[in-house]
Amino acid sequence: MAEQENQLDTHEFDVHEFDTNEFDTTGEKCVKMLLKIRARLAELPVGARLVVISDDPTSIYDLPAWCHMTHHEYVGYENSGEIYRHTLAVTQESVRGTSGKVWARP
């Protein structure tokens, strides 16, 4: 398990090289965090990136899976201590609604 965690912390991208929006979800956990992220992404045009700031350690698993299910691109994450910065991108196929389940097409 420790080897897998080390692999997750290795990234070959720099989230600061893109024009992005930041969205602070610190203090929020899974479903409430995903509802807020979904609403924020629905406001952005295709191709836009959103940097989600989170203190939820399970976000490194939840956000990639959620992006896969909602057809957003999960670019990756960086972390500094207990703070995680995830970069997500809106695609042509992204779920664009704000109602219904957080993982399903509206």
N, C-alpha and C. Protein backbone atom coordinates (compact mmCIF):
# COMPACT_ATOMS: atom_id res chain seq x y z
N MET A 1 0.83 -1.20 0.00
CA MET A 1 0.00 0.00 0.00
C MET A 1 0.87 1.26 0.00
N ALA A 2 1.97 1.25 0.75
CA ALA A 2 2.85 2.42 0.82
C ALA A 2 3.43 2.74 -0.56
N GLU A 3 3.76 1.71 -1.33
CA GLU A 3 4.29 1.92 -2.68
C GLU A 3 3.25 2.61 -3.56
N GLN A 4 1.99 2.19 -3.45
CA GLN A 4 0.91 2.80 -4.23
C GLN A 4 0.73 4.27 -3.83
N GLU A 5 0.81 4.58 -2.55
CA GLU A 5 0.66 5.96 -2.10
C GLU A 5 1.77 6.83 -2.67
N ASN A 6 3.00 6.32 -2.71
CA ASN A 6 4.11 7.08 -3.29
C ASN A 6 3.87 7.35 -4.76
N GLN A 7 3.31 6.38 -5.48
CA GLN A 7 3.03 6.58 -6.89
C GLN A 7 1.97 7.65 -7.09
N LEU A 8 0.99 7.72 -6.20
CA LEU A 8 -0.06 8.73 -6.33
C LEU A 8 0.47 10.14 -6.13
N ASP A 9 1.54 10.29 -5.34
CA ASP A 9 2.08 11.61 -5.06
C ASP A 9 3.03 12.10 -6.15
N THR A 10 3.31 11.32 -7.16
CA THR A 10 4.23 11.68 -8.23
C THR A 10 3.44 12.17 -9.44
N HIS A 11 3.69 13.42 -9.86
CA HIS A 11 2.94 13.99 -10.97
C HIS A 11 3.88 14.66 -11.95
N GLU A 12 3.54 14.59 -13.23
CA GLU A 12 4.36 15.21 -14.26
C GLU A 12 3.63 16.37 -14.90
N PHE A 13 3.02 17.23 -14.10
CA PHE A 13 2.32 18.39 -14.61
C PHE A 13 2.48 19.53 -13.61
N ASP A 14 2.24 20.71 -14.09
CA ASP A 14 2.30 21.88 -13.23
C ASP A 14 0.95 22.60 -13.35
N VAL A 15 0.13 22.53 -12.31
CA VAL A 15 -1.20 23.14 -12.40
C VAL A 15 -1.12 24.65 -12.55
N HIS A 16 0.03 25.23 -12.27
CA HIS A 16 0.15 26.68 -12.34
C HIS A 16 0.41 27.19 -13.76
N GLU A 17 0.67 26.30 -14.71
CA GLU A 17 0.94 26.75 -16.07
C GLU A 17 -0.33 26.99 -16.87
N PHE A 18 -1.50 26.67 -16.34
CA PHE A 18 -2.77 26.83 -17.04
C PHE A 18 -3.57 27.97 -16.43
N ASP A 19 -4.45 28.57 -17.24
CA ASP A 19 -5.39 29.56 -16.75
C ASP A 19 -6.51 28.80 -16.05
N THR A 20 -6.57 28.89 -14.73
CA THR A 20 -7.53 28.09 -13.97
C THR A 20 -8.35 28.95 -13.03
N ASN A 21 -9.43 28.37 -12.57
CA ASN A 21 -10.25 28.93 -11.51
C ASN A 21 -9.98 28.11 -10.26
N GLU A 22 -10.00 28.74 -9.09
CA GLU A 22 -9.83 28.00 -7.85
C GLU A 22 -11.16 27.92 -7.12
N PHE A 23 -11.38 26.79 -6.44
CA PHE A 23 -12.61 26.57 -5.71
C PHE A 23 -12.27 25.88 -4.40
N ASP A 24 -12.49 26.58 -3.30
CA ASP A 24 -12.12 26.08 -1.98
C ASP A 24 -13.25 25.25 -1.38
N THR A 25 -12.99 23.98 -1.15
CA THR A 25 -13.99 23.09 -0.53
C THR A 25 -13.51 22.58 0.82
N THR A 26 -12.53 23.25 1.42
CA THR A 26 -12.03 22.77 2.71
C THR A 26 -13.17 22.73 3.72
N GLY A 27 -13.16 21.68 4.52
CA GLY A 27 -14.21 21.48 5.51
C GLY A 27 -15.37 20.65 5.01
N GLU A 28 -15.46 20.46 3.68
CA GLU A 28 -16.55 19.67 3.09
C GLU A 28 -16.07 18.24 2.86
N LYS A 29 -16.98 17.30 3.01
CA LYS A 29 -16.68 15.89 2.76
C LYS A 29 -17.46 15.42 1.54
N CYS A 30 -17.11 14.28 1.06
CA CYS A 30 -17.56 13.62 -0.16
C CYS A 30 -18.78 14.20 -0.88
N VAL A 31 -19.98 13.82 -0.51
CA VAL A 31 -21.16 14.17 -1.32
C VAL A 31 -21.39 15.67 -1.37
N LYS A 32 -21.31 16.35 -0.24
CA LYS A 32 -21.52 17.80 -0.23
C LYS A 32 -20.46 18.50 -1.08
N MET A 33 -19.22 18.03 -0.99
CA MET A 33 -18.13 18.59 -1.79
C MET A 33 -18.42 18.38 -3.28
N LEU A 34 -18.86 17.17 -3.66
CA LEU A 34 -19.13 16.88 -5.07
C LEU A 34 -20.30 17.70 -5.61
N LEU A 35 -21.31 17.93 -4.81
CA LEU A 35 -22.44 18.77 -5.24
C LEU A 35 -21.97 20.19 -5.53
N LYS A 36 -21.12 20.73 -4.68
CA LYS A 36 -20.60 22.09 -4.89
C LYS A 36 -19.69 22.15 -6.12
N ILE A 37 -18.85 21.13 -6.29
CA ILE A 37 -17.97 21.09 -7.46
C ILE A 37 -18.79 20.98 -8.74
N ARG A 38 -19.80 20.13 -8.72
CA ARG A 38 -20.64 19.95 -9.91
C ARG A 38 -21.30 21.27 -10.30
N ALA A 39 -21.83 22.01 -9.33
CA ALA A 39 -22.47 23.29 -9.61
C ALA A 39 -21.45 24.28 -10.17
N ARG A 40 -20.26 24.30 -9.62
CA ARG A 40 -19.23 25.24 -10.09
C ARG A 40 -18.77 24.88 -11.50
N LEU A 41 -18.57 23.60 -11.78
CA LEU A 41 -18.15 23.19 -13.12
C LEU A 41 -19.22 23.47 -14.16
N ALA A 42 -20.48 23.42 -13.78
CA ALA A 42 -21.58 23.69 -14.72
C ALA A 42 -21.55 25.12 -15.21
N GLU A 43 -20.91 26.02 -14.45
CA GLU A 43 -20.81 27.43 -14.83
C GLU A 43 -19.67 27.69 -15.81
N LEU A 44 -18.76 26.74 -15.97
CA LEU A 44 -17.55 26.96 -16.76
C LEU A 44 -17.71 26.43 -18.19
N PRO A 45 -17.05 27.07 -19.14
CA PRO A 45 -17.11 26.61 -20.53
C PRO A 45 -16.25 25.37 -20.75
N VAL A 46 -16.52 24.67 -21.83
CA VAL A 46 -15.71 23.52 -22.22
C VAL A 46 -14.26 23.98 -22.35
N GLY A 47 -13.35 23.19 -21.82
CA GLY A 47 -11.92 23.51 -21.87
C GLY A 47 -11.41 24.20 -20.62
N ALA A 48 -12.31 24.75 -19.81
CA ALA A 48 -11.89 25.44 -18.58
C ALA A 48 -11.40 24.44 -17.56
N ARG A 49 -10.52 24.91 -16.71
CA ARG A 49 -9.98 24.08 -15.64
C ARG A 49 -10.39 24.67 -14.30
N LEU A 50 -10.60 23.78 -13.35
CA LEU A 50 -10.96 24.19 -11.99
C LEU A 50 -9.98 23.52 -11.03
N VAL A 51 -9.35 24.32 -10.18
CA VAL A 51 -8.49 23.78 -9.13
C VAL A 51 -9.34 23.70 -7.87
N VAL A 52 -9.57 22.49 -7.41
CA VAL A 52 -10.38 22.25 -6.21
C VAL A 52 -9.43 22.09 -5.03
N ILE A 53 -9.61 22.95 -4.03
CA ILE A 53 -8.79 22.88 -2.83
C ILE A 53 -9.57 22.12 -1.78
N SER A 54 -8.97 21.07 -1.24
CA SER A 54 -9.67 20.19 -0.30
C SER A 54 -8.75 19.77 0.84
N ASP A 55 -9.35 19.53 1.99
CA ASP A 55 -8.60 18.95 3.10
C ASP A 55 -9.09 17.53 3.40
N ASP A 56 -9.90 16.98 2.51
CA ASP A 56 -10.43 15.62 2.66
C ASP A 56 -9.42 14.64 2.06
N PRO A 57 -8.77 13.80 2.89
CA PRO A 57 -7.76 12.88 2.35
C PRO A 57 -8.33 11.86 1.37
N THR A 58 -9.62 11.57 1.44
CA THR A 58 -10.19 10.61 0.49
C THR A 58 -10.46 11.25 -0.87
N SER A 59 -10.27 12.55 -0.97
CA SER A 59 -10.51 13.24 -2.25
C SER A 59 -9.57 12.74 -3.35
N ILE A 60 -8.41 12.21 -2.97
CA ILE A 60 -7.48 11.69 -3.99
C ILE A 60 -8.05 10.45 -4.68
N TYR A 61 -9.03 9.81 -4.06
CA TYR A 61 -9.71 8.67 -4.66
C TYR A 61 -11.07 9.07 -5.23
N ASP A 62 -11.80 9.89 -4.47
CA ASP A 62 -13.17 10.28 -4.85
C ASP A 62 -13.21 11.11 -6.12
N LEU A 63 -12.35 12.12 -6.23
CA LEU A 63 -12.44 13.03 -7.38
C LEU A 63 -12.08 12.36 -8.71
N PRO A 64 -11.02 11.55 -8.80
CA PRO A 64 -10.77 10.87 -10.08
C PRO A 64 -11.93 9.96 -10.48
N ALA A 65 -12.51 9.24 -9.52
CA ALA A 65 -13.63 8.34 -9.84
C ALA A 65 -14.85 9.15 -10.26
N TRP A 66 -15.12 10.25 -9.57
CA TRP A 66 -16.27 11.10 -9.91
C TRP A 66 -16.09 11.71 -11.30
N CYS A 67 -14.88 12.17 -11.60
CA CYS A 67 -14.62 12.73 -12.94
C CYS A 67 -14.84 11.69 -14.02
N HIS A 68 -14.42 10.47 -13.76
CA HIS A 68 -14.63 9.40 -14.74
C HIS A 68 -16.12 9.18 -14.98
N MET A 69 -16.91 9.17 -13.91
CA MET A 69 -18.34 8.90 -14.04
C MET A 69 -19.11 10.07 -14.66
N THR A 70 -18.59 11.29 -14.52
CA THR A 70 -19.29 12.47 -15.05
C THR A 70 -18.63 13.02 -16.31
N HIS A 71 -17.62 12.34 -16.80
CA HIS A 71 -16.94 12.69 -18.06
C HIS A 71 -16.19 14.02 -17.99
N HIS A 72 -15.75 14.41 -16.80
CA HIS A 72 -14.82 15.52 -16.67
C HIS A 72 -13.41 14.93 -16.75
N GLU A 73 -12.44 15.75 -17.09
CA GLU A 73 -11.06 15.28 -17.12
C GLU A 73 -10.44 15.53 -15.75
N TYR A 74 -9.87 14.50 -15.16
CA TYR A 74 -9.11 14.67 -13.92
C TYR A 74 -7.65 14.80 -14.32
N VAL A 75 -7.09 16.00 -14.16
CA VAL A 75 -5.72 16.27 -14.59
C VAL A 75 -4.72 15.74 -13.57
N GLY A 76 -5.01 15.90 -12.28
CA GLY A 76 -4.11 15.41 -11.24
C GLY A 76 -4.23 16.26 -9.98
N TYR A 77 -3.33 16.00 -9.05
CA TYR A 77 -3.35 16.77 -7.81
C TYR A 77 -1.94 17.02 -7.30
N GLU A 78 -1.85 18.02 -6.44
CA GLU A 78 -0.65 18.32 -5.67
C GLU A 78 -1.10 18.37 -4.22
N ASN A 79 -0.21 18.09 -3.30
CA ASN A 79 -0.59 18.28 -1.91
C ASN A 79 0.55 18.91 -1.14
N SER A 80 0.14 19.66 -0.12
CA SER A 80 1.06 20.29 0.81
C SER A 80 0.50 20.00 2.19
N GLY A 81 1.08 19.04 2.86
CA GLY A 81 0.55 18.63 4.15
C GLY A 81 -0.83 18.04 3.99
N GLU A 82 -1.81 18.63 4.66
CA GLU A 82 -3.18 18.11 4.63
C GLU A 82 -4.06 18.81 3.60
N ILE A 83 -3.48 19.66 2.78
CA ILE A 83 -4.25 20.39 1.76
C ILE A 83 -3.93 19.80 0.39
N TYR A 84 -5.00 19.48 -0.35
CA TYR A 84 -4.88 18.90 -1.69
C TYR A 84 -5.41 19.89 -2.71
N ARG A 85 -4.72 20.03 -3.83
CA ARG A 85 -5.14 20.89 -4.93
C ARG A 85 -5.33 20.00 -6.16
N HIS A 86 -6.59 19.73 -6.48
CA HIS A 86 -6.95 18.87 -7.61
C HIS A 86 -7.27 19.75 -8.82
N THR A 87 -6.80 19.36 -9.99
CA THR A 87 -7.13 20.09 -11.21
C THR A 87 -8.08 19.24 -12.04
N LEU A 88 -9.25 19.82 -12.36
CA LEU A 88 -10.29 19.18 -13.16
C LEU A 88 -10.52 20.03 -14.39
N ALA A 89 -10.91 19.41 -15.50
CA ALA A 89 -11.20 20.16 -16.72
C ALA A 89 -12.57 19.76 -17.26
N VAL A 90 -13.26 20.73 -17.84
CA VAL A 90 -14.56 20.50 -18.45
C VAL A 90 -14.33 20.03 -19.88
N THR A 91 -15.01 18.93 -20.26
CA THR A 91 -14.89 18.40 -21.62
C THR A 91 -16.22 18.53 -22.35
N GLN A 92 -16.21 18.23 -23.64
CA GLN A 92 -17.45 18.24 -24.43
C GLN A 92 -18.48 17.28 -23.85
N GLU A 93 -18.02 16.17 -23.29
CA GLU A 93 -18.91 15.13 -22.77
C GLU A 93 -19.28 15.33 -21.30
N SER A 94 -18.75 16.36 -20.66
CA SER A 94 -19.00 16.57 -19.23
C SER A 94 -20.47 16.71 -18.92
N VAL A 95 -20.88 16.16 -17.78
CA VAL A 95 -22.22 16.37 -17.26
C VAL A 95 -22.32 17.85 -16.92
N ARG A 96 -23.33 18.53 -17.45
CA ARG A 96 -23.40 19.99 -17.32
C ARG A 96 -24.55 20.47 -16.44
N GLY A 97 -25.33 19.58 -15.86
CA GLY A 97 -26.46 19.99 -15.03
C GLY A 97 -26.07 20.17 -13.59
N THR A 98 -27.00 20.71 -12.81
CA THR A 98 -26.74 20.90 -11.39
C THR A 98 -27.78 20.21 -10.53
N SER A 99 -28.70 19.48 -11.14
CA SER A 99 -29.72 18.80 -10.35
C SER A 99 -29.53 17.29 -10.46
N GLY A 100 -30.21 16.56 -9.62
CA GLY A 100 -30.10 15.11 -9.67
C GLY A 100 -28.92 14.60 -8.88
N LYS A 101 -28.58 13.35 -9.10
CA LYS A 101 -27.48 12.72 -8.40
C LYS A 101 -26.16 13.33 -8.87
N VAL A 102 -25.18 13.35 -7.97
CA VAL A 102 -23.90 13.99 -8.31
C VAL A 102 -23.12 13.22 -9.35
N TRP A 103 -23.47 11.97 -9.62
CA TRP A 103 -22.69 11.15 -10.54
C TRP A 103 -23.42 10.79 -11.82
N ALA A 104 -24.66 11.21 -11.97
CA ALA A 104 -25.45 10.80 -13.12
C ALA A 104 -25.83 11.98 -13.99
N ARG A 105 -26.10 11.70 -15.26
CA ARG A 105 -26.57 12.76 -16.14
C ARG A 105 -27.94 13.22 -15.65
N PRO A 106 -28.19 14.54 -15.66
CA PRO A 106 -29.47 15.06 -15.17
C PRO A 106 -30.62 14.63 -16.06
